[in-house]
Amino acid sequence: MFKTAVIATTRIQGLMAVCNYSRKALGQTGDGHFSPIGGYEAEADRVLMLDVARFKYPAHWVNRDELFNALVSIDSDT
């Protein structure tokens, strides 16, 4: 279901998704973070995250399964 949602948000004009995910789960500094999805590469099964804190992390590709795990991880502070 997550894969279907990712594909839809990158192919349907006017539709977008913003993810609330754990930076820590992706090996980044910090934890809870919001950023929109900017694209999907089917062959490599990667999602383009358009990080809103570009001074810290520019747009970057993330394996879809890794992003899903970052989405469902628990942030004990919030």
N, C-alpha and C. Protein backbone atom coordinates (compact mmCIF):
# COMPACT_ATOMS: atom_id res chain seq x y z
N MET A 1 0.82 -1.19 0.00
CA MET A 1 0.00 0.00 0.00
C MET A 1 0.87 1.27 0.00
N PHE A 2 1.97 1.26 0.74
CA PHE A 2 2.85 2.42 0.77
C PHE A 2 3.44 2.68 -0.61
N LYS A 3 3.87 1.63 -1.28
CA LYS A 3 4.43 1.78 -2.62
C LYS A 3 3.41 2.40 -3.57
N THR A 4 2.18 1.97 -3.50
CA THR A 4 1.11 2.51 -4.34
C THR A 4 0.92 4.00 -4.07
N ALA A 5 0.96 4.38 -2.80
CA ALA A 5 0.80 5.79 -2.44
C ALA A 5 1.97 6.63 -2.95
N VAL A 6 3.18 6.10 -2.84
CA VAL A 6 4.37 6.82 -3.33
C VAL A 6 4.26 7.03 -4.83
N ILE A 7 3.91 6.00 -5.55
CA ILE A 7 3.80 6.11 -7.01
C ILE A 7 2.72 7.11 -7.38
N ALA A 8 1.58 7.05 -6.72
CA ALA A 8 0.48 7.97 -7.03
C ALA A 8 0.88 9.42 -6.81
N THR A 9 1.59 9.69 -5.71
CA THR A 9 1.95 11.07 -5.41
C THR A 9 2.99 11.63 -6.36
N THR A 10 3.68 10.78 -7.10
CA THR A 10 4.68 11.26 -8.04
C THR A 10 4.17 11.27 -9.48
N ARG A 11 2.99 10.71 -9.71
CA ARG A 11 2.48 10.63 -11.08
C ARG A 11 1.19 11.41 -11.32
N ILE A 12 0.48 11.74 -10.27
CA ILE A 12 -0.79 12.45 -10.42
C ILE A 12 -0.55 13.93 -10.16
N GLN A 13 -0.77 14.74 -11.20
CA GLN A 13 -0.54 16.18 -11.08
C GLN A 13 -1.42 16.78 -9.99
N GLY A 14 -0.83 17.60 -9.15
CA GLY A 14 -1.54 18.26 -8.07
C GLY A 14 -1.58 17.46 -6.78
N LEU A 15 -1.12 16.22 -6.80
CA LEU A 15 -1.11 15.38 -5.60
C LEU A 15 0.30 15.35 -5.04
N MET A 16 0.42 15.47 -3.74
CA MET A 16 1.74 15.39 -3.12
C MET A 16 1.63 14.74 -1.75
N ALA A 17 2.75 14.26 -1.26
CA ALA A 17 2.80 13.65 0.06
C ALA A 17 3.93 14.29 0.85
N VAL A 18 3.66 14.56 2.10
CA VAL A 18 4.67 15.05 3.04
C VAL A 18 4.83 13.97 4.09
N CYS A 19 6.06 13.56 4.33
CA CYS A 19 6.33 12.48 5.27
C CYS A 19 6.84 13.03 6.60
N ASN A 20 6.36 12.44 7.67
CA ASN A 20 6.87 12.70 9.01
C ASN A 20 7.66 11.45 9.36
N TYR A 21 8.99 11.58 9.34
CA TYR A 21 9.83 10.40 9.48
C TYR A 21 10.97 10.64 10.46
N SER A 22 11.61 9.56 10.84
CA SER A 22 12.75 9.63 11.75
C SER A 22 14.04 9.78 10.95
N ARG A 23 14.72 10.90 11.15
CA ARG A 23 16.03 11.07 10.51
C ARG A 23 17.01 10.01 11.03
N LYS A 24 16.88 9.72 12.33
CA LYS A 24 17.78 8.76 12.95
C LYS A 24 17.70 7.41 12.24
N ALA A 25 16.50 6.99 11.85
CA ALA A 25 16.32 5.71 11.16
C ALA A 25 16.99 5.69 9.79
N LEU A 26 17.28 6.88 9.23
CA LEU A 26 17.95 6.96 7.94
C LEU A 26 19.43 7.27 8.09
N GLY A 27 19.94 7.22 9.33
CA GLY A 27 21.35 7.47 9.58
C GLY A 27 21.73 8.93 9.57
N GLN A 28 20.75 9.81 9.74
CA GLN A 28 21.00 11.24 9.77
C GLN A 28 20.97 11.75 11.22
N THR A 29 21.40 12.99 11.42
CA THR A 29 21.34 13.57 12.77
C THR A 29 19.93 14.09 13.03
N GLY A 30 19.57 14.12 14.29
CA GLY A 30 18.22 14.54 14.66
C GLY A 30 17.28 13.35 14.63
N ASP A 31 15.98 13.64 14.74
CA ASP A 31 15.01 12.53 14.71
C ASP A 31 13.78 12.95 13.92
N GLY A 32 12.68 13.28 14.57
CA GLY A 32 11.44 13.58 13.87
C GLY A 32 11.60 14.72 12.88
N HIS A 33 11.09 14.53 11.65
CA HIS A 33 11.29 15.53 10.60
C HIS A 33 10.19 15.40 9.55
N PHE A 34 9.84 16.51 8.92
CA PHE A 34 8.86 16.54 7.84
C PHE A 34 9.54 16.96 6.54
N SER A 35 9.28 16.25 5.45
CA SER A 35 9.74 16.63 4.12
C SER A 35 8.83 16.01 3.07
N PRO A 36 8.65 16.68 1.92
CA PRO A 36 7.82 16.13 0.85
C PRO A 36 8.58 15.13 -0.02
N ILE A 37 7.80 14.26 -0.64
CA ILE A 37 8.33 13.32 -1.63
C ILE A 37 8.38 14.06 -2.96
N GLY A 38 9.52 13.96 -3.65
CA GLY A 38 9.67 14.66 -4.91
C GLY A 38 9.71 13.76 -6.13
N GLY A 39 9.86 12.46 -5.93
CA GLY A 39 9.92 11.55 -7.07
C GLY A 39 10.08 10.12 -6.63
N TYR A 40 9.95 9.23 -7.59
CA TYR A 40 10.10 7.80 -7.33
C TYR A 40 10.83 7.18 -8.51
N GLU A 41 11.85 6.38 -8.25
CA GLU A 41 12.58 5.65 -9.28
C GLU A 41 12.27 4.17 -9.12
N ALA A 42 11.45 3.65 -10.01
CA ALA A 42 10.95 2.27 -9.90
C ALA A 42 12.05 1.23 -10.00
N GLU A 43 12.98 1.41 -10.92
CA GLU A 43 14.01 0.39 -11.14
C GLU A 43 14.83 0.13 -9.88
N ALA A 44 15.20 1.20 -9.18
CA ALA A 44 15.99 1.07 -7.94
C ALA A 44 15.10 1.08 -6.70
N ASP A 45 13.79 1.29 -6.88
CA ASP A 45 12.82 1.36 -5.77
C ASP A 45 13.26 2.40 -4.73
N ARG A 46 13.54 3.61 -5.24
CA ARG A 46 14.00 4.70 -4.38
C ARG A 46 13.04 5.88 -4.46
N VAL A 47 12.97 6.61 -3.34
CA VAL A 47 12.11 7.79 -3.22
C VAL A 47 13.01 9.02 -3.08
N LEU A 48 12.66 10.08 -3.81
CA LEU A 48 13.41 11.33 -3.71
C LEU A 48 12.78 12.19 -2.63
N MET A 49 13.54 12.44 -1.57
CA MET A 49 13.07 13.29 -0.48
C MET A 49 13.57 14.71 -0.72
N LEU A 50 12.65 15.66 -0.76
CA LEU A 50 13.00 17.07 -0.95
C LEU A 50 13.12 17.70 0.43
N ASP A 51 14.23 17.48 1.06
CA ASP A 51 14.42 17.91 2.45
C ASP A 51 14.21 19.41 2.58
N VAL A 52 13.38 19.79 3.53
CA VAL A 52 13.07 21.21 3.74
C VAL A 52 14.19 21.93 4.47
N ALA A 53 15.08 21.20 5.11
CA ALA A 53 16.25 21.79 5.77
C ALA A 53 17.45 21.61 4.86
N ARG A 54 17.41 22.27 3.70
CA ARG A 54 18.42 22.05 2.66
C ARG A 54 19.82 22.44 3.10
N PHE A 55 19.94 23.31 4.09
CA PHE A 55 21.27 23.67 4.59
C PHE A 55 21.95 22.48 5.25
N LYS A 56 21.13 21.55 5.72
CA LYS A 56 21.66 20.38 6.44
C LYS A 56 21.74 19.16 5.52
N TYR A 57 20.67 18.88 4.80
CA TYR A 57 20.60 17.75 3.89
C TYR A 57 19.92 18.20 2.59
N PRO A 58 20.61 18.18 1.48
CA PRO A 58 19.95 18.51 0.21
C PRO A 58 18.99 17.38 -0.17
N ALA A 59 18.27 17.58 -1.26
CA ALA A 59 17.41 16.50 -1.76
C ALA A 59 18.24 15.23 -1.88
N HIS A 60 17.64 14.09 -1.50
CA HIS A 60 18.40 12.84 -1.51
C HIS A 60 17.47 11.66 -1.79
N TRP A 61 18.05 10.61 -2.35
CA TRP A 61 17.31 9.39 -2.65
C TRP A 61 17.38 8.44 -1.45
N VAL A 62 16.24 7.81 -1.16
CA VAL A 62 16.14 6.87 -0.04
C VAL A 62 15.46 5.60 -0.54
N ASN A 63 15.98 4.46 -0.17
CA ASN A 63 15.33 3.19 -0.48
C ASN A 63 13.92 3.22 0.11
N ARG A 64 12.93 2.79 -0.67
CA ARG A 64 11.54 2.88 -0.23
C ARG A 64 11.29 2.12 1.07
N ASP A 65 11.85 0.93 1.22
CA ASP A 65 11.66 0.17 2.46
C ASP A 65 12.29 0.89 3.65
N GLU A 66 13.46 1.51 3.44
CA GLU A 66 14.10 2.27 4.52
C GLU A 66 13.25 3.47 4.92
N LEU A 67 12.66 4.14 3.92
CA LEU A 67 11.78 5.27 4.24
C LEU A 67 10.56 4.79 5.02
N PHE A 68 9.98 3.69 4.61
CA PHE A 68 8.82 3.16 5.34
C PHE A 68 9.19 2.88 6.79
N ASN A 69 10.33 2.26 7.02
CA ASN A 69 10.77 1.98 8.39
C ASN A 69 10.99 3.28 9.18
N ALA A 70 11.47 4.31 8.51
CA ALA A 70 11.66 5.61 9.16
C ALA A 70 10.32 6.26 9.49
N LEU A 71 9.30 5.96 8.69
CA LEU A 71 7.96 6.52 8.92
C LEU A 71 7.27 5.86 10.13
N VAL A 72 7.51 4.59 10.34
CA VAL A 72 6.80 3.87 11.39
C VAL A 72 7.58 3.78 12.71
N SER A 73 8.79 4.32 12.73
CA SER A 73 9.57 4.26 13.97
C SER A 73 8.97 5.23 15.00
N ILE A 74 9.16 4.92 16.25
CA ILE A 74 8.59 5.69 17.36
C ILE A 74 9.60 6.73 17.84
N ASP A 75 9.14 7.99 17.91
CA ASP A 75 9.94 9.07 18.49
C ASP A 75 9.45 9.26 19.92
N SER A 76 10.23 8.80 20.87
CA SER A 76 9.79 8.84 22.27
C SER A 76 9.65 10.25 22.82
N ASP A 77 10.26 11.25 22.17
CA ASP A 77 10.17 12.63 22.65
C ASP A 77 8.84 13.28 22.27
N THR A 78 8.26 12.86 21.17
CA THR A 78 7.02 13.51 20.72
C THR A 78 5.88 12.52 20.65
